[in-house]
C-alpha cells in the first residue's frame, strides 16, 4: 500500500469508528474508502466489518460505567444478536449485495424518523418505563426486531446502530448514553460473529484490515468518550442529523447516481 492509501484508510476508519460510537453507520465511510482504493466489493465489506468490530473495544471501554445499568437488557438481546449475525453473514456469501443494498436507504430513513419521534409515540402507545416488566409484548417485539437488525448487520451492518437505538427507545430506555453502551455491545457481537465467518471464508484483505483497525480503535474511543460530555438533547440531535445524512447519501448512491 502507498502512504496515501494507508493514511486514507486510517482516517476513514477513525471517522467511521467515531460515528459508530455515537449513532452507527460508520460502514458507509469505511466501505466506500476501501472501494476507492481498489478493493473488491465483497472483500471490502468483509474487511470493513473486521476492522470496525475489533475497534469496538475502544468504544466499550469508553462506555464501561454504563454497562451495569443495561446488563439485564444485554442478556435478553445477546442470543438473537449472535444468531442473526451468523445468518446475515451466511446470506452475504450466498447472495448478491444488490437487492439488499437497495433497501438500506429506506431502513436508515425509517429508523431515523422513528428515533426522532420515539418520545411522542411511546406516550401514545403507553409503554411503561424500562424498569417496569408489565409490558412483555413490547419486550418480545423488540427481541424479534433485534433479530432482524442482527441479520441485516451480519449482511451489511450500515445503520444498525440507529435501528437499535430506535428499538431501545420504544421499550422505555431513555438515557442516551446507556442506550449507546447497549447498542455498542450488541453491535460488536453481531459484527464479531460475521467477521469470524468472513475470516473462515477467506474474504479479508489483511494489510488494509490492520491499518483500519488502528484507526477505528482511536475513533471509537474518542467518539464514546466525548459524546458523554455533550448534553443528551444535543447527542440526540447529532444522531438524528447523522441518520438523515446517511439516508440521503445512500438514496443518491442507489437511485440517482
Protein backbone atom coordinates (compact mmCIF):
# COMPACT_ATOMS: atom_id res chain seq x y z
CA UNK A 1 0.00 0.00 0.00
CA UNK A 2 1.08 3.57 -0.66
CA UNK A 3 1.30 6.13 2.14
CA UNK A 4 -1.71 7.87 0.60
CA UNK A 5 -3.76 4.68 0.91
CA UNK A 6 -2.54 4.00 4.46
CA UNK A 7 -3.43 7.50 5.64
CA UNK A 8 -6.76 7.49 3.78
CA UNK A 9 -7.86 4.14 5.19
CA UNK A 10 -6.74 5.01 8.73
CA UNK A 11 -8.62 8.33 8.68
CA UNK A 12 -11.76 6.78 7.22
CA UNK A 13 -11.70 4.08 9.91
CA UNK A 14 -11.23 6.69 12.65
CA UNK A 15 -14.21 8.69 11.37
CA UNK A 16 -16.25 5.51 10.93
CA UNK A 17 -15.42 4.36 14.44
CA UNK A 18 -16.41 7.72 15.95
CA UNK A 19 -19.72 7.69 14.04
CA UNK A 20 -20.43 4.13 15.21
CA UNK A 21 -19.72 5.10 18.81
CA UNK A 22 -22.30 7.90 18.65
CA UNK A 23 -25.04 6.55 16.37
CA UNK A 24 -23.92 3.86 13.94
CA UNK A 25 -23.38 3.99 10.20
CA UNK A 26 -19.58 4.03 10.13
CA UNK A 27 -19.60 1.32 7.46
CA UNK A 28 -20.81 3.94 4.99
CA UNK A 29 -17.45 5.67 5.49
CA UNK A 30 -15.10 2.68 5.60
CA UNK A 31 -16.74 0.59 2.85
CA UNK A 32 -16.55 3.32 0.14
CA UNK A 33 -12.98 4.13 1.22
CA UNK A 34 -11.91 0.54 0.53
CA UNK A 35 -13.71 0.61 -2.82
CA UNK A 36 -11.95 3.89 -3.69
CA UNK A 37 -8.56 2.23 -3.21
CA UNK A 38 -9.48 -0.71 -5.44
CA UNK A 39 -10.66 -3.39 -3.02
CA UNK A 40 -13.29 -5.76 -4.47
CA UNK A 41 -16.82 -5.09 -3.07
CA UNK A 42 -17.34 -8.33 -1.13
CA UNK A 43 -13.79 -8.19 0.25
CA UNK A 44 -14.27 -4.53 1.15
CA UNK A 45 -17.45 -5.34 3.08
CA UNK A 46 -15.76 -8.17 4.98
CA UNK A 47 -12.61 -6.15 5.71
CA UNK A 48 -14.60 -3.17 6.92
CA UNK A 49 -16.62 -5.38 9.25
CA UNK A 50 -13.50 -6.93 10.77
CA UNK A 51 -11.74 -3.59 11.28
CA UNK A 52 -14.73 -1.95 12.94
CA UNK A 53 -15.56 -4.89 15.21
CA UNK A 54 -12.02 -5.03 16.58
CA UNK A 55 -12.09 -1.27 17.09
CA UNK A 56 -15.31 -1.58 19.09
CA UNK A 57 -13.26 -2.46 22.17
CA UNK A 58 -12.25 1.19 22.41
CA UNK A 59 -15.90 2.25 22.47
CA UNK A 60 -16.87 -0.44 25.01
CA UNK A 61 -14.15 0.85 27.32
CA UNK A 62 -15.41 4.40 26.87
CA UNK A 63 -18.94 3.35 27.90
CA UNK A 64 -17.82 0.97 30.68
CA UNK A 65 -19.53 2.84 33.53
CA UNK A 66 -22.95 2.48 31.85
CA UNK A 67 -22.81 -1.28 31.18
CA UNK A 68 -24.02 -2.29 34.65
CA UNK A 69 -27.26 -0.35 34.15
CA UNK A 70 -28.14 -2.24 30.95
CA UNK A 71 -26.85 -5.70 31.90
CA UNK A 72 -30.36 -7.21 32.05
CA UNK A 73 -31.22 -5.96 28.59
CA UNK A 74 -27.86 -7.15 27.25
CA UNK A 75 -28.58 -10.76 28.22
CA UNK A 76 -32.06 -10.55 26.67
CA UNK A 77 -30.81 -9.32 23.30
CA UNK A 78 -27.47 -11.15 23.06
CA UNK A 79 -28.70 -14.62 21.87
CA UNK A 80 -30.73 -13.27 18.94
CA UNK A 81 -27.93 -10.85 18.06
CA UNK A 82 -25.46 -13.72 17.71
CA UNK A 83 -27.93 -15.84 15.76
CA UNK A 84 -28.83 -13.01 13.41
CA UNK A 85 -25.19 -12.09 12.82
CA UNK A 86 -24.42 -15.65 11.70
CA UNK A 87 -27.47 -15.78 9.42
CA UNK A 88 -26.61 -12.43 7.83
CA UNK A 89 -23.00 -13.45 7.17
CA UNK A 90 -24.16 -16.70 5.55
CA UNK A 91 -26.62 -14.72 3.44
CA UNK A 92 -23.85 -12.42 2.18
CA UNK A 93 -21.75 -15.32 0.94
CA UNK A 94 -24.74 -16.94 -0.81
CA UNK A 95 -26.48 -13.99 -2.47
CA UNK A 96 -25.78 -10.74 -4.29
CA UNK A 97 -25.45 -7.43 -2.44
CA UNK A 98 -27.61 -5.61 -4.99
CA UNK A 99 -31.16 -6.34 -3.78
CA UNK A 100 -30.44 -5.83 -0.11
CA UNK A 101 -28.33 -2.72 -0.63
CA UNK A 102 -31.32 -1.02 -2.27
CA UNK A 103 -33.25 -1.43 0.98
CA UNK A 104 -30.56 0.32 3.03
CA UNK A 105 -31.74 3.94 2.39
CA UNK A 106 -35.31 3.09 3.41
CA UNK A 107 -34.20 1.26 6.57
CA UNK A 108 -31.97 4.11 7.71
CA UNK A 109 -34.55 6.80 6.95
CA UNK A 110 -37.33 4.86 8.71
CA UNK A 111 -35.18 4.25 11.81
CA UNK A 112 -34.12 7.91 11.98
CA UNK A 113 -37.73 9.14 11.81
CA UNK A 114 -38.72 6.62 14.49
CA UNK A 115 -35.81 7.70 16.69
CA UNK A 116 -36.76 11.35 16.25
CA UNK A 117 -40.40 10.69 17.20
CA UNK A 118 -39.89 7.95 19.79
CA UNK A 119 -40.88 10.05 22.82
CA UNK A 120 -44.23 11.08 21.34
CA UNK A 121 -45.02 7.62 20.01
CA UNK A 122 -44.06 5.91 23.28
CA UNK A 123 -46.58 8.10 25.11
CA UNK A 124 -49.26 7.30 22.50
CA UNK A 125 -48.89 3.54 22.91
CA UNK A 126 -48.46 3.91 26.69
CA UNK A 127 -45.29 1.83 27.01
CA UNK A 128 -44.03 1.53 30.56
CA UNK A 129 -40.56 2.60 31.71
CA UNK A 130 -37.78 0.10 31.12
CA UNK A 131 -37.66 -0.83 34.82
CA UNK A 132 -41.32 -1.97 34.75
CA UNK A 133 -41.78 -5.50 33.33
CA UNK A 134 -45.54 -5.05 32.80
CA UNK A 135 -45.24 -4.94 29.00
CA UNK A 136 -43.78 -8.33 27.96
CA UNK A 137 -45.28 -8.00 24.47
CA UNK A 138 -43.16 -4.90 23.88
CA UNK A 139 -40.04 -6.75 25.04
CA UNK A 140 -40.73 -9.71 22.72
CA UNK A 141 -41.42 -7.37 19.83
CA UNK A 142 -38.08 -5.66 20.49
CA UNK A 143 -36.29 -9.03 20.63
CA UNK A 144 -37.76 -10.06 17.26
CA UNK A 145 -36.83 -6.68 15.82
CA UNK A 146 -33.31 -7.13 17.17
CA UNK A 147 -33.09 -10.48 15.34
CA UNK A 148 -34.00 -8.75 12.06
CA UNK A 149 -31.45 -5.99 12.75
CA UNK A 150 -28.80 -8.61 13.50
CA UNK A 151 -29.44 -10.44 10.21
CA UNK A 152 -29.07 -7.15 8.38
CA UNK A 153 -25.99 -6.32 10.45
CA UNK A 154 -24.29 -9.59 9.58
CA UNK A 155 -25.05 -8.88 5.92
CA UNK A 156 -24.02 -5.22 5.63
CA UNK A 157 -24.13 -3.51 9.08
CA UNK A 158 -24.56 0.12 7.92
CA UNK A 159 -27.14 1.87 10.07
CA UNK A 160 -27.72 -0.93 12.61
CA UNK A 161 -26.83 1.45 15.45
CA UNK A 162 -29.69 3.78 14.56
CA UNK A 163 -32.10 0.86 14.15
CA UNK A 164 -31.17 -0.45 17.61
CA UNK A 165 -31.45 2.98 19.23
CA UNK A 166 -34.97 3.35 17.82
CA UNK A 167 -35.96 -0.06 19.20
CA UNK A 168 -34.42 0.61 22.63
CA UNK A 169 -36.33 3.88 22.86
CA UNK A 170 -39.65 2.08 22.34
CA UNK A 171 -39.08 -0.40 25.16
CA UNK A 172 -38.62 2.50 27.54
CA UNK A 173 -34.88 3.19 27.75
CA UNK A 174 -34.36 6.93 27.94
CA UNK A 175 -30.73 7.59 28.94
CA UNK A 176 -28.97 8.08 25.62
CA UNK A 177 -25.57 7.11 26.99
CA UNK A 178 -26.89 3.83 28.44
CA UNK A 179 -28.65 3.19 25.11
CA UNK A 180 -25.39 3.82 23.27
CA UNK A 181 -23.47 1.42 25.53
CA UNK A 182 -26.03 -1.35 24.94
CA UNK A 183 -26.15 -0.63 21.22
CA UNK A 184 -22.36 -0.72 21.01
CA UNK A 185 -22.07 -4.05 22.82
CA UNK A 186 -24.80 -5.72 20.75
CA UNK A 187 -23.47 -4.30 17.51
CA UNK A 188 -20.00 -5.59 18.30
CA UNK A 189 -21.35 -9.09 18.90
CA UNK A 190 -23.29 -9.04 15.61
CA UNK A 191 -20.22 -7.95 13.70
CA UNK A 192 -17.94 -10.32 15.61
CA UNK A 193 -19.72 -13.49 14.52
CA UNK A 194 -19.98 -12.12 10.97
CA UNK A 195 -16.27 -11.26 10.95
CA UNK A 196 -15.35 -14.76 12.15
CA UNK A 197 -17.27 -16.22 9.20
CA UNK A 198 -15.59 -13.80 6.80
CA UNK A 199 -12.15 -14.82 8.10
CA UNK A 200 -13.01 -18.51 7.70
CA UNK A 201 -14.26 -17.79 4.16
CA UNK A 202 -11.00 -16.05 3.21
CA UNK A 203 -12.63 -12.71 2.41
CA UNK A 204 -10.32 -10.41 4.41
CA UNK A 205 -7.69 -8.09 2.88
CA UNK A 206 -5.29 -8.29 5.82
CA UNK A 207 -2.96 -5.28 5.23
CA UNK A 208 -5.95 -2.96 4.82
CA UNK A 209 -7.66 -4.54 7.83
CA UNK A 210 -4.63 -3.89 10.04
CA UNK A 211 -4.43 -0.20 9.08
CA UNK A 212 -8.16 0.36 9.52
CA UNK A 213 -8.27 -1.42 12.87
CA UNK A 214 -5.73 1.03 14.30
CA UNK A 215 -7.75 3.98 13.05
CA UNK A 216 -11.05 2.54 14.25
CA UNK A 217 -9.71 1.97 17.78
CA UNK A 218 -8.88 5.69 18.06
CA UNK A 219 -12.19 6.78 16.54
CA UNK A 220 -14.33 4.52 18.71
CA UNK A 221 -12.67 5.60 21.94
CA UNK A 222 -12.78 9.32 21.16
CA UNK A 223 -16.39 9.12 19.95
CA UNK A 224 -17.57 7.24 23.03
CA UNK A 225 -15.56 9.42 25.42
CA UNK A 226 -16.50 12.86 24.14
CA UNK A 227 -20.16 12.09 23.31
CA UNK A 228 -20.74 11.65 27.06
CA UNK A 229 -19.60 15.24 27.68
CA UNK A 230 -22.38 16.60 25.47
CA UNK A 231 -25.93 17.12 26.84
CA UNK A 232 -28.30 14.26 25.99
CA UNK A 233 -30.52 16.52 23.87
CA UNK A 234 -27.50 17.52 21.77
CA UNK A 235 -26.43 13.89 21.30
CA UNK A 236 -29.95 13.04 20.09
CA UNK A 237 -29.75 15.91 17.59
CA UNK A 238 -26.38 14.65 16.33
CA UNK A 239 -27.74 11.11 15.97
CA UNK A 240 -30.77 12.37 14.03
CA UNK A 241 -28.59 14.51 11.75
CA UNK A 242 -26.27 11.58 11.04
CA UNK A 243 -29.27 9.37 10.25
CA UNK A 244 -30.75 11.78 7.71
CA UNK A 245 -27.32 12.36 6.17
CA UNK A 246 -26.72 8.61 5.77
CA UNK A 247 -30.17 8.18 4.24
CA UNK A 248 -29.50 10.98 1.73
CA UNK A 249 -26.12 9.51 0.78
CA UNK A 250 -27.49 6.02 0.24
CA UNK A 251 -30.55 7.25 -1.70
CA UNK A 252 -28.22 9.19 -4.01
CA UNK A 253 -25.91 6.21 -4.40
CA UNK A 254 -28.66 3.70 -5.17
CA UNK A 255 -31.28 5.68 -7.11
CA UNK A 256 -29.79 8.88 -8.55
CA UNK A 257 -26.13 8.44 -9.43
